[in-house]
C-alpha cells in the first residue's frame, strides 16, 4: 500500500496538502444536517464466524442520499459489515449475528422479512465485475423479470434502457445489446453490474471496493457515476483508497480490528481525526 506519511507528514500543518485541498472542495457540497431519520442504522451489531468475533458492537447511522465510505486496514470488518446490510452473510456457514440492523426503521433480521425483496431494496456491486453469462440486455432485464416489475416487453425495454442510461453505459452498448455482458471491458462490466442493481429500483446500493480491479480511467467513470447516483440512492462504499473516500463521500467510518473507531463528516475525519488510530491510518502509519 502506498502510504500517505511521505506525502502528508503532518495533518496539523497550516499548509494545505493535496488531500486537504480535495476535502475543502468536497466540504462545500456536503448536505446540511437535517432531522430526517437515517436510511439504515445498526445498533450493538456483533458478528461471529463460529467462535471468532469479526464485528464488535457497531453503532452506525447511514444518512439518506449521501455516500458513506467505510475505510480501514484489510481484515478489519468492512466487508463483513456491508454484507450484514442485505443479509449476504446468511449464506456463510457458522455465521452468527447479534444486535439490530434497520432499513427505514424496520429490523431486516426480523422473522417476517423476505430476504429476496430485501436484496432488491438493498442492491450490491462487488469488488470484481460479475456479469451473468447472458446478453447485455438480459443482464439488466433479469431482476425486473423475476420481481415482476414490467407488464410487457415495451415496459421491460424502458427499464433496461433507462438503467443503462443512468449507469452511463447506454450509448456505448446500444448497438450490441445481444452481445454477452462478458464481452465488455472491465469498467463497462462494472457499470453493467450497477445498471443491473438499479434496474429493480433499490433504495440503497452497497459497493464493496467496486474500483479495485479497474484502471484509473474506468475508476473515474465509476466515481462520476456514484456522484450522480447519490441524488436518488443511498450509497455505502468500502474502499481502501483514502483519496477516493475523500473525493466521493460525505460521511466516513473508520474500522479497525472489528471495531468502529470513528465516524463523521468526511472532511472532519480526514482533517481532524479524534482517535489516534484514525490519525495513524490516514497518515499511513498503519494499514
C-alpha atoms as a PDB file:
ATOM      1  CA  UNK A   1       0.000   0.000   0.000  1.00  0.00           C
ATOM      2  CA  UNK A   2       1.284   3.490  -0.818  1.00  0.00           C
ATOM      3  CA  UNK A   3       1.336   5.421   2.426  1.00  0.00           C
ATOM      4  CA  UNK A   4       0.311   8.996   2.948  1.00  0.00           C
ATOM      5  CA  UNK A   5       3.060   9.635   5.523  1.00  0.00           C
ATOM      6  CA  UNK A   6       5.528  10.738   2.887  1.00  0.00           C
ATOM      7  CA  UNK A   7       3.006  12.863   1.035  1.00  0.00           C
ATOM      8  CA  UNK A   8       1.326  14.354   4.085  1.00  0.00           C
ATOM      9  CA  UNK A   9       3.774  14.277   7.027  1.00  0.00           C
ATOM     10  CA  UNK A  10       1.689  16.438   9.369  1.00  0.00           C
ATOM     11  CA  UNK A  11      -2.083  16.682   9.254  1.00  0.00           C
ATOM     12  CA  UNK A  12      -1.979  19.637  11.649  1.00  0.00           C
ATOM     13  CA  UNK A  13       0.156  21.887   9.445  1.00  0.00           C
ATOM     14  CA  UNK A  14      -1.409  25.105   8.226  1.00  0.00           C
ATOM     15  CA  UNK A  15      -0.146  24.404   4.699  1.00  0.00           C
ATOM     16  CA  UNK A  16      -2.881  22.795   2.641  1.00  0.00           C
ATOM     17  CA  UNK A  17      -1.960  19.312   1.433  1.00  0.00           C
ATOM     18  CA  UNK A  18      -3.330  17.765  -1.765  1.00  0.00           C
ATOM     19  CA  UNK A  19      -5.696  15.602   0.281  1.00  0.00           C
ATOM     20  CA  UNK A  20      -6.878  18.575   2.326  1.00  0.00           C
ATOM     21  CA  UNK A  21      -7.452  20.518  -0.887  1.00  0.00           C
ATOM     22  CA  UNK A  22      -9.775  17.746  -2.047  1.00  0.00           C
ATOM     23  CA  UNK A  23     -11.523  17.789   1.305  1.00  0.00           C
ATOM     24  CA  UNK A  24     -12.010  21.550   1.325  1.00  0.00           C
ATOM     25  CA  UNK A  25     -13.584  21.366  -2.118  1.00  0.00           C
ATOM     26  CA  UNK A  26     -15.850  18.499  -1.047  1.00  0.00           C
ATOM     27  CA  UNK A  27     -16.844  20.256   2.179  1.00  0.00           C
ATOM     28  CA  UNK A  28     -18.703  22.867   0.184  1.00  0.00           C
ATOM     29  CA  UNK A  29     -21.014  20.174  -1.239  1.00  0.00           C
ATOM     30  CA  UNK A  30     -21.796  18.297   1.981  1.00  0.00           C
ATOM     31  CA  UNK A  31     -25.507  18.162   2.615  1.00  0.00           C
ATOM     32  CA  UNK A  32     -26.651  20.057   5.700  1.00  0.00           C
ATOM     33  CA  UNK A  33     -27.750  18.217   8.806  1.00  0.00           C
ATOM     34  CA  UNK A  34     -31.495  17.579   8.825  1.00  0.00           C
ATOM     35  CA  UNK A  35     -33.959  15.922  11.132  1.00  0.00           C
ATOM     36  CA  UNK A  36     -34.560  13.150   8.589  1.00  0.00           C
ATOM     37  CA  UNK A  37     -34.015   9.681  10.074  1.00  0.00           C
ATOM     38  CA  UNK A  38     -31.150   7.626   8.645  1.00  0.00           C
ATOM     39  CA  UNK A  39     -31.894   5.295   5.761  1.00  0.00           C
ATOM     40  CA  UNK A  40     -30.120   2.428   7.588  1.00  0.00           C
ATOM     41  CA  UNK A  41     -28.997   2.018  11.182  1.00  0.00           C
ATOM     42  CA  UNK A  42     -27.099  -0.582  13.195  1.00  0.00           C
ATOM     43  CA  UNK A  43     -27.119  -0.873  16.965  1.00  0.00           C
ATOM     44  CA  UNK A  44     -24.945  -3.230  19.003  1.00  0.00           C
ATOM     45  CA  UNK A  45     -24.047  -5.198  15.864  1.00  0.00           C
ATOM     46  CA  UNK A  46     -21.828  -8.171  16.608  1.00  0.00           C
ATOM     47  CA  UNK A  47     -20.794 -10.806  14.063  1.00  0.00           C
ATOM     48  CA  UNK A  48     -19.258 -14.202  14.762  1.00  0.00           C
ATOM     49  CA  UNK A  49     -17.884 -16.846  12.424  1.00  0.00           C
ATOM     50  CA  UNK A  50     -18.024 -19.895  14.665  1.00  0.00           C
ATOM     51  CA  UNK A  51     -16.169 -18.698  17.796  1.00  0.00           C
ATOM     52  CA  UNK A  52     -14.261 -15.898  16.059  1.00  0.00           C
ATOM     53  CA  UNK A  53     -15.754 -12.429  16.512  1.00  0.00           C
ATOM     54  CA  UNK A  54     -15.479 -10.256  13.400  1.00  0.00           C
ATOM     55  CA  UNK A  55     -17.500  -7.178  14.453  1.00  0.00           C
ATOM     56  CA  UNK A  56     -17.873  -5.697  17.926  1.00  0.00           C
ATOM     57  CA  UNK A  57     -20.829  -3.531  18.963  1.00  0.00           C
ATOM     58  CA  UNK A  58     -21.137  -1.449  15.803  1.00  0.00           C
ATOM     59  CA  UNK A  59     -23.468   1.553  16.116  1.00  0.00           C
ATOM     60  CA  UNK A  60     -23.667   3.410  12.819  1.00  0.00           C
ATOM     61  CA  UNK A  61     -26.269   5.561  11.055  1.00  0.00           C
ATOM     62  CA  UNK A  62     -26.283   5.659   7.242  1.00  0.00           C
ATOM     63  CA  UNK A  63     -27.734   9.002   6.023  1.00  0.00           C
ATOM     64  CA  UNK A  64     -30.099   9.203   3.077  1.00  0.00           C
ATOM     65  CA  UNK A  65     -28.904  10.254  -0.376  1.00  0.00           C
ATOM     66  CA  UNK A  66     -25.295  10.520   0.631  1.00  0.00           C
ATOM     67  CA  UNK A  67     -22.196   8.428   0.042  1.00  0.00           C
ATOM     68  CA  UNK A  68     -20.853   6.790   3.194  1.00  0.00           C
ATOM     69  CA  UNK A  69     -17.302   5.436   2.840  1.00  0.00           C
ATOM     70  CA  UNK A  70     -16.039   2.584   5.008  1.00  0.00           C
ATOM     71  CA  UNK A  71     -12.245   2.668   5.376  1.00  0.00           C
ATOM     72  CA  UNK A  72      -9.701   0.681   7.355  1.00  0.00           C
ATOM     73  CA  UNK A  73      -6.974  -1.955   7.002  1.00  0.00           C
ATOM     74  CA  UNK A  74      -7.616  -5.318   5.355  1.00  0.00           C
ATOM     75  CA  UNK A  75      -9.430  -7.724   7.635  1.00  0.00           C
ATOM     76  CA  UNK A  76     -10.896  -5.002   9.856  1.00  0.00           C
ATOM     77  CA  UNK A  77     -14.549  -5.936   9.238  1.00  0.00           C
ATOM     78  CA  UNK A  78     -15.625  -3.519   6.473  1.00  0.00           C
ATOM     79  CA  UNK A  79     -16.859  -6.186   4.052  1.00  0.00           C
ATOM     80  CA  UNK A  80     -18.443  -8.198   6.858  1.00  0.00           C
ATOM     81  CA  UNK A  81     -20.338  -5.078   7.924  1.00  0.00           C
ATOM     82  CA  UNK A  82     -21.572  -4.158   4.447  1.00  0.00           C
ATOM     83  CA  UNK A  83     -22.788  -7.730   3.858  1.00  0.00           C
ATOM     84  CA  UNK A  84     -24.850  -7.536   7.027  1.00  0.00           C
ATOM     85  CA  UNK A  85     -26.853  -4.724   5.442  1.00  0.00           C
ATOM     86  CA  UNK A  86     -28.503  -7.026   2.878  1.00  0.00           C
ATOM     87  CA  UNK A  87     -28.010 -10.342   4.679  1.00  0.00           C
ATOM     88  CA  UNK A  88     -25.391 -11.678   2.270  1.00  0.00           C
ATOM     89  CA  UNK A  89     -23.621 -13.220   5.268  1.00  0.00           C
ATOM     90  CA  UNK A  90     -26.591 -15.530   5.829  1.00  0.00           C
ATOM     91  CA  UNK A  91     -25.172 -17.988   3.293  1.00  0.00           C
ATOM     92  CA  UNK A  92     -21.854 -18.343   5.160  1.00  0.00           C
ATOM     93  CA  UNK A  93     -21.650 -21.443   7.389  1.00  0.00           C
ATOM     94  CA  UNK A  94     -21.268 -20.720  11.114  1.00  0.00           C
ATOM     95  CA  UNK A  95     -22.204 -17.053  10.672  1.00  0.00           C
ATOM     96  CA  UNK A  96     -23.984 -15.615  13.693  1.00  0.00           C
ATOM     97  CA  UNK A  97     -25.170 -12.078  14.312  1.00  0.00           C
ATOM     98  CA  UNK A  98     -26.350 -10.175  17.364  1.00  0.00           C
ATOM     99  CA  UNK A  99     -27.808  -6.697  17.505  1.00  0.00           C
ATOM    100  CA  UNK A 100     -30.113  -4.720  15.232  1.00  0.00           C
ATOM    101  CA  UNK A 101     -29.879  -3.696  11.564  1.00  0.00           C
ATOM    102  CA  UNK A 102     -32.693  -1.434  10.375  1.00  0.00           C
ATOM    103  CA  UNK A 103     -33.839  -0.209   6.985  1.00  0.00           C
ATOM    104  CA  UNK A 104     -36.234   2.711   7.348  1.00  0.00           C
ATOM    105  CA  UNK A 105     -36.764   1.723  10.977  1.00  0.00           C
ATOM    106  CA  UNK A 106     -37.590  -1.950  10.231  1.00  0.00           C
ATOM    107  CA  UNK A 107     -35.342  -4.722  11.577  1.00  0.00           C
ATOM    108  CA  UNK A 108     -34.134  -6.548   8.463  1.00  0.00           C
ATOM    109  CA  UNK A 109     -33.367  -9.661  10.521  1.00  0.00           C
ATOM    110  CA  UNK A 110     -36.956  -9.872  11.731  1.00  0.00           C
ATOM    111  CA  UNK A 111     -38.905 -13.125  11.238  1.00  0.00           C
ATOM    112  CA  UNK A 112     -41.253 -11.668   8.620  1.00  0.00           C
ATOM    113  CA  UNK A 113     -38.571 -10.241   6.315  1.00  0.00           C
ATOM    114  CA  UNK A 114     -38.479 -11.569   2.746  1.00  0.00           C
ATOM    115  CA  UNK A 115     -34.753 -11.741   2.018  1.00  0.00           C
ATOM    116  CA  UNK A 116     -35.280 -11.702  -1.767  1.00  0.00           C
ATOM    117  CA  UNK A 117     -37.254  -8.474  -1.506  1.00  0.00           C
ATOM    118  CA  UNK A 118     -34.691  -7.053   0.916  1.00  0.00           C
ATOM    119  CA  UNK A 119     -31.894  -7.614  -1.586  1.00  0.00           C
ATOM    120  CA  UNK A 120     -33.939  -5.838  -4.228  1.00  0.00           C
ATOM    121  CA  UNK A 121     -34.234  -2.819  -1.920  1.00  0.00           C
ATOM    122  CA  UNK A 122     -30.563  -3.028  -0.876  1.00  0.00           C
ATOM    123  CA  UNK A 123     -28.572  -3.827  -4.022  1.00  0.00           C
ATOM    124  CA  UNK A 124     -24.914  -4.785  -4.140  1.00  0.00           C
ATOM    125  CA  UNK A 125     -21.994  -4.247  -6.501  1.00  0.00           C
ATOM    126  CA  UNK A 126     -18.993  -6.442  -5.833  1.00  0.00           C
ATOM    127  CA  UNK A 127     -15.248  -5.897  -5.990  1.00  0.00           C
ATOM    128  CA  UNK A 128     -14.845  -7.869  -9.215  1.00  0.00           C
ATOM    129  CA  UNK A 129     -17.373  -7.248 -12.007  1.00  0.00           C
ATOM    130  CA  UNK A 130     -19.641 -10.292 -12.201  1.00  0.00           C
ATOM    131  CA  UNK A 131     -21.994 -10.028 -15.185  1.00  0.00           C
ATOM    132  CA  UNK A 132     -24.263 -13.012 -15.686  1.00  0.00           C
ATOM    133  CA  UNK A 133     -23.442 -15.349 -18.596  1.00  0.00           C
ATOM    134  CA  UNK A 134     -26.210 -13.655 -20.570  1.00  0.00           C
ATOM    135  CA  UNK A 135     -26.550 -10.842 -23.070  1.00  0.00           C
ATOM    136  CA  UNK A 136     -26.090  -7.226 -22.001  1.00  0.00           C
ATOM    137  CA  UNK A 137     -29.860  -6.770 -22.291  1.00  0.00           C
ATOM    138  CA  UNK A 138     -30.684  -9.867 -20.250  1.00  0.00           C
ATOM    139  CA  UNK A 139     -28.221  -8.913 -17.504  1.00  0.00           C
ATOM    140  CA  UNK A 140     -30.228  -5.766 -16.828  1.00  0.00           C
ATOM    141  CA  UNK A 141     -33.638  -7.335 -17.506  1.00  0.00           C
ATOM    142  CA  UNK A 142     -33.055 -10.262 -15.128  1.00  0.00           C
ATOM    143  CA  UNK A 143     -34.115  -8.506 -11.905  1.00  0.00           C
ATOM    144  CA  UNK A 144     -37.208  -6.766 -13.285  1.00  0.00           C
ATOM    145  CA  UNK A 145     -38.340 -10.088 -14.769  1.00  0.00           C
ATOM    146  CA  UNK A 146     -38.064 -12.140 -11.580  1.00  0.00           C
ATOM    147  CA  UNK A 147     -39.633  -9.372  -9.482  1.00  0.00           C
ATOM    148  CA  UNK A 148     -42.470  -8.796 -11.969  1.00  0.00           C
ATOM    149  CA  UNK A 149     -41.683  -5.110 -12.438  1.00  0.00           C
ATOM    150  CA  UNK A 150     -42.613  -4.951 -16.132  1.00  0.00           C
ATOM    151  CA  UNK A 151     -46.050  -5.602 -17.591  1.00  0.00           C
ATOM    152  CA  UNK A 152     -44.746  -6.369 -21.066  1.00  0.00           C
ATOM    153  CA  UNK A 153     -41.836  -6.156 -23.495  1.00  0.00           C
ATOM    154  CA  UNK A 154     -42.168  -2.413 -24.078  1.00  0.00           C
ATOM    155  CA  UNK A 155     -42.095  -1.671 -20.350  1.00  0.00           C
ATOM    156  CA  UNK A 156     -39.136  -4.020 -19.839  1.00  0.00           C
ATOM    157  CA  UNK A 157     -37.280  -2.304 -22.689  1.00  0.00           C
ATOM    158  CA  UNK A 158     -37.880   1.021 -20.976  1.00  0.00           C
ATOM    159  CA  UNK A 159     -36.447  -0.240 -17.678  1.00  0.00           C
ATOM    160  CA  UNK A 160     -33.370  -1.707 -19.394  1.00  0.00           C
ATOM    161  CA  UNK A 161     -32.636   1.395 -21.461  1.00  0.00           C
ATOM    162  CA  UNK A 162     -33.232   3.728 -18.529  1.00  0.00           C
ATOM    163  CA  UNK A 163     -30.968   1.684 -16.239  1.00  0.00           C
ATOM    164  CA  UNK A 164     -28.177   1.555 -18.820  1.00  0.00           C
ATOM    165  CA  UNK A 165     -28.522   5.295 -19.341  1.00  0.00           C
ATOM    166  CA  UNK A 166     -28.328   6.041 -15.602  1.00  0.00           C
ATOM    167  CA  UNK A 167     -25.238   3.830 -15.416  1.00  0.00           C
ATOM    168  CA  UNK A 168     -23.645   5.865 -18.199  1.00  0.00           C
ATOM    169  CA  UNK A 169     -23.420   2.857 -20.490  1.00  0.00           C
ATOM    170  CA  UNK A 170     -26.303   3.089 -22.952  1.00  0.00           C
ATOM    171  CA  UNK A 171     -24.550   4.925 -25.770  1.00  0.00           C
ATOM    172  CA  UNK A 172     -21.609   2.530 -25.616  1.00  0.00           C
ATOM    173  CA  UNK A 173     -23.737  -0.628 -25.925  1.00  0.00           C
ATOM    174  CA  UNK A 174     -26.892   0.484 -27.732  1.00  0.00           C
ATOM    175  CA  UNK A 175     -25.975  -1.371 -30.948  1.00  0.00           C
ATOM    176  CA  UNK A 176     -24.807  -4.575 -29.228  1.00  0.00           C
ATOM    177  CA  UNK A 177     -27.372  -5.372 -26.558  1.00  0.00           C
ATOM    178  CA  UNK A 178     -27.452  -9.006 -27.680  1.00  0.00           C
ATOM    179  CA  UNK A 179     -23.710  -9.427 -27.097  1.00  0.00           C
ATOM    180  CA  UNK A 180     -22.572 -11.214 -23.922  1.00  0.00           C
ATOM    181  CA  UNK A 181     -22.038  -8.994 -20.900  1.00  0.00           C
ATOM    182  CA  UNK A 182     -18.621 -10.613 -20.530  1.00  0.00           C
ATOM    183  CA  UNK A 183     -17.586  -9.114 -23.893  1.00  0.00           C
ATOM    184  CA  UNK A 184     -17.351  -5.649 -22.326  1.00  0.00           C
ATOM    185  CA  UNK A 185     -14.239  -4.102 -20.807  1.00  0.00           C
ATOM    186  CA  UNK A 186     -13.727  -4.289 -17.042  1.00  0.00           C
ATOM    187  CA  UNK A 187     -15.015  -0.781 -16.432  1.00  0.00           C
ATOM    188  CA  UNK A 188     -18.003  -1.338 -18.693  1.00  0.00           C
ATOM    189  CA  UNK A 189     -18.772  -4.628 -16.937  1.00  0.00           C
ATOM    190  CA  UNK A 190     -18.806  -2.836 -13.581  1.00  0.00           C
ATOM    191  CA  UNK A 191     -21.189  -0.204 -14.942  1.00  0.00           C
ATOM    192  CA  UNK A 192     -23.332  -3.045 -16.316  1.00  0.00           C
ATOM    193  CA  UNK A 193     -23.458  -4.530 -12.817  1.00  0.00           C
ATOM    194  CA  UNK A 194     -24.526  -1.131 -11.485  1.00  0.00           C
ATOM    195  CA  UNK A 195     -27.238  -0.930 -14.172  1.00  0.00           C
ATOM    196  CA  UNK A 196     -28.373  -4.414 -13.140  1.00  0.00           C
ATOM    197  CA  UNK A 197     -28.564  -3.294  -9.499  1.00  0.00           C
ATOM    198  CA  UNK A 198     -30.568  -0.124 -10.142  1.00  0.00           C
ATOM    199  CA  UNK A 199     -32.971  -1.828 -12.584  1.00  0.00           C
ATOM    200  CA  UNK A 200     -35.016  -3.125  -9.631  1.00  0.00           C
ATOM    201  CA  UNK A 201     -35.252   0.392  -8.129  1.00  0.00           C
ATOM    202  CA  UNK A 202     -33.336  -0.168  -4.883  1.00  0.00           C
ATOM    203  CA  UNK A 203     -33.197   2.367  -2.080  1.00  0.00           C
ATOM    204  CA  UNK A 204     -29.634   1.545  -1.030  1.00  0.00           C
ATOM    205  CA  UNK A 205     -26.635   0.484  -3.125  1.00  0.00           C
ATOM    206  CA  UNK A 206     -23.754  -1.318  -1.415  1.00  0.00           C
ATOM    207  CA  UNK A 207     -20.402  -1.196  -3.193  1.00  0.00           C
ATOM    208  CA  UNK A 208     -17.595  -3.454  -1.965  1.00  0.00           C
ATOM    209  CA  UNK A 209     -14.395  -1.968  -3.443  1.00  0.00           C
ATOM    210  CA  UNK A 210     -16.018  -1.506  -6.870  1.00  0.00           C
ATOM    211  CA  UNK A 211     -12.940   0.140  -8.414  1.00  0.00           C
ATOM    212  CA  UNK A 212     -10.140  -2.043  -7.060  1.00  0.00           C
ATOM    213  CA  UNK A 213      -9.885  -4.091 -10.269  1.00  0.00           C
ATOM    214  CA  UNK A 214     -10.217  -1.099 -12.615  1.00  0.00           C
ATOM    215  CA  UNK A 215      -7.730   1.240 -14.286  1.00  0.00           C
ATOM    216  CA  UNK A 216      -7.703   4.973 -13.430  1.00  0.00           C
ATOM    217  CA  UNK A 217      -9.915   5.978 -16.375  1.00  0.00           C
ATOM    218  CA  UNK A 218     -12.564   3.358 -15.557  1.00  0.00           C
ATOM    219  CA  UNK A 219     -12.320   4.341 -11.876  1.00  0.00           C
ATOM    220  CA  UNK A 220     -13.005   7.971 -12.779  1.00  0.00           C
ATOM    221  CA  UNK A 221     -16.129   6.891 -14.720  1.00  0.00           C
ATOM    222  CA  UNK A 222     -17.418   4.929 -11.721  1.00  0.00           C
ATOM    223  CA  UNK A 223     -16.730   7.824  -9.328  1.00  0.00           C
ATOM    224  CA  UNK A 224     -18.603  10.245 -11.593  1.00  0.00           C
ATOM    225  CA  UNK A 225     -21.477   7.770 -11.727  1.00  0.00           C
ATOM    226  CA  UNK A 226     -21.560   7.453  -7.921  1.00  0.00           C
ATOM    227  CA  UNK A 227     -21.744  11.240  -7.634  1.00  0.00           C
ATOM    228  CA  UNK A 228     -24.813  11.244  -9.902  1.00  0.00           C
ATOM    229  CA  UNK A 229     -26.488   8.221  -8.311  1.00  0.00           C
ATOM    230  CA  UNK A 230     -26.440   9.643  -4.785  1.00  0.00           C
ATOM    231  CA  UNK A 231     -29.126  12.116  -5.851  1.00  0.00           C
ATOM    232  CA  UNK A 232     -31.554   9.177  -5.942  1.00  0.00           C
ATOM    233  CA  UNK A 233     -29.928   6.426  -3.884  1.00  0.00           C
ATOM    234  CA  UNK A 234     -28.187   5.965  -0.551  1.00  0.00           C
ATOM    235  CA  UNK A 235     -24.711   4.585  -1.281  1.00  0.00           C
ATOM    236  CA  UNK A 236     -22.308   2.770   1.040  1.00  0.00           C
ATOM    237  CA  UNK A 237     -18.870   2.044  -0.373  1.00  0.00           C
ATOM    238  CA  UNK A 238     -15.974   0.015   1.008  1.00  0.00           C
ATOM    239  CA  UNK A 239     -12.690   1.423  -0.270  1.00  0.00           C
ATOM    240  CA  UNK A 240      -9.000   1.031   0.505  1.00  0.00           C
ATOM    241  CA  UNK A 241      -8.293   4.329  -1.269  1.00  0.00           C
ATOM    242  CA  UNK A 242      -8.409   7.243   1.138  1.00  0.00           C
ATOM    243  CA  UNK A 243      -8.180   9.632  -1.804  1.00  0.00           C
ATOM    244  CA  UNK A 244     -11.297   8.007  -3.272  1.00  0.00           C
ATOM    245  CA  UNK A 245     -13.151   8.286   0.034  1.00  0.00           C
ATOM    246  CA  UNK A 246     -12.172  11.969   0.166  1.00  0.00           C
ATOM    247  CA  UNK A 247     -13.363  12.600  -3.387  1.00  0.00           C
ATOM    248  CA  UNK A 248     -16.756  10.935  -3.370  1.00  0.00           C
ATOM    249  CA  UNK A 249     -18.109  10.527   0.180  1.00  0.00           C
ATOM    250  CA  UNK A 250     -19.897  12.859   2.539  1.00  0.00           C
ATOM    251  CA  UNK A 251     -19.528  10.581   5.571  1.00  0.00           C
ATOM    252  CA  UNK A 252     -16.634   8.280   6.510  1.00  0.00           C
ATOM    253  CA  UNK A 253     -16.465   5.443   9.041  1.00  0.00           C
ATOM    254  CA  UNK A 254     -13.072   4.024  10.087  1.00  0.00           C
ATOM    255  CA  UNK A 255     -12.950   0.368  11.115  1.00  0.00           C
ATOM    256  CA  UNK A 256     -10.043  -1.334  12.908  1.00  0.00           C
ATOM    257  CA  UNK A 257      -9.844  -4.906  14.225  1.00  0.00           C
ATOM    258  CA  UNK A 258     -13.610  -5.298  14.183  1.00  0.00           C
ATOM    259  CA  UNK A 259     -14.325  -2.007  15.962  1.00  0.00           C
ATOM    260  CA  UNK A 260     -15.891   1.144  14.576  1.00  0.00           C
ATOM    261  CA  UNK A 261     -13.225   3.560  15.773  1.00  0.00           C
ATOM    262  CA  UNK A 262     -14.507   6.836  14.394  1.00  0.00           C
ATOM    263  CA  UNK A 263     -17.191   8.169  12.078  1.00  0.00           C
ATOM    264  CA  UNK A 264     -18.377  11.548  10.933  1.00  0.00           C
ATOM    265  CA  UNK A 265     -18.289  14.022   8.068  1.00  0.00           C
ATOM    266  CA  UNK A 266     -15.539  13.009   5.679  1.00  0.00           C
ATOM    267  CA  UNK A 267     -13.796  16.375   5.820  1.00  0.00           C
ATOM    268  CA  UNK A 268     -13.631  16.212   9.609  1.00  0.00           C
ATOM    269  CA  UNK A 269     -12.446  12.596   9.799  1.00  0.00           C
ATOM    270  CA  UNK A 270      -9.578  13.265   7.407  1.00  0.00           C
ATOM    271  CA  UNK A 271      -8.504  16.734   8.517  1.00  0.00           C
ATOM    272  CA  UNK A 272      -9.154  16.475  12.259  1.00  0.00           C
ATOM    273  CA  UNK A 273      -9.333  12.814  13.364  1.00  0.00           C
ATOM    274  CA  UNK A 274     -10.259  12.414  17.019  1.00  0.00           C
ATOM    275  CA  UNK A 275      -8.735   8.958  17.638  1.00  0.00           C
ATOM    276  CA  UNK A 276      -5.017   8.252  17.359  1.00  0.00           C
ATOM    277  CA  UNK A 277      -5.762   5.067  15.359  1.00  0.00           C
ATOM    278  CA  UNK A 278      -7.638   7.089  12.743  1.00  0.00           C
ATOM    279  CA  UNK A 279      -4.790   9.597  12.582  1.00  0.00           C
ATOM    280  CA  UNK A 280      -2.229   6.804  12.192  1.00  0.00           C
ATOM    281  CA  UNK A 281      -4.250   5.231   9.394  1.00  0.00           C
ATOM    282  CA  UNK A 282      -4.827   8.377   7.350  1.00  0.00           C
ATOM    283  CA  UNK A 283      -1.130   9.235   7.725  1.00  0.00           C
ATOM    284  CA  UNK A 284      -0.105   5.750   6.550  1.00  0.00           C
ATOM    285  CA  UNK A 285       1.379   4.522   9.833  1.00  0.00           C
ATOM    286  CA  UNK A 286      -0.953   1.501   9.994  1.00  0.00           C
ATOM    287  CA  UNK A 287      -2.743  -0.497   7.314  1.00  0.00           C
END
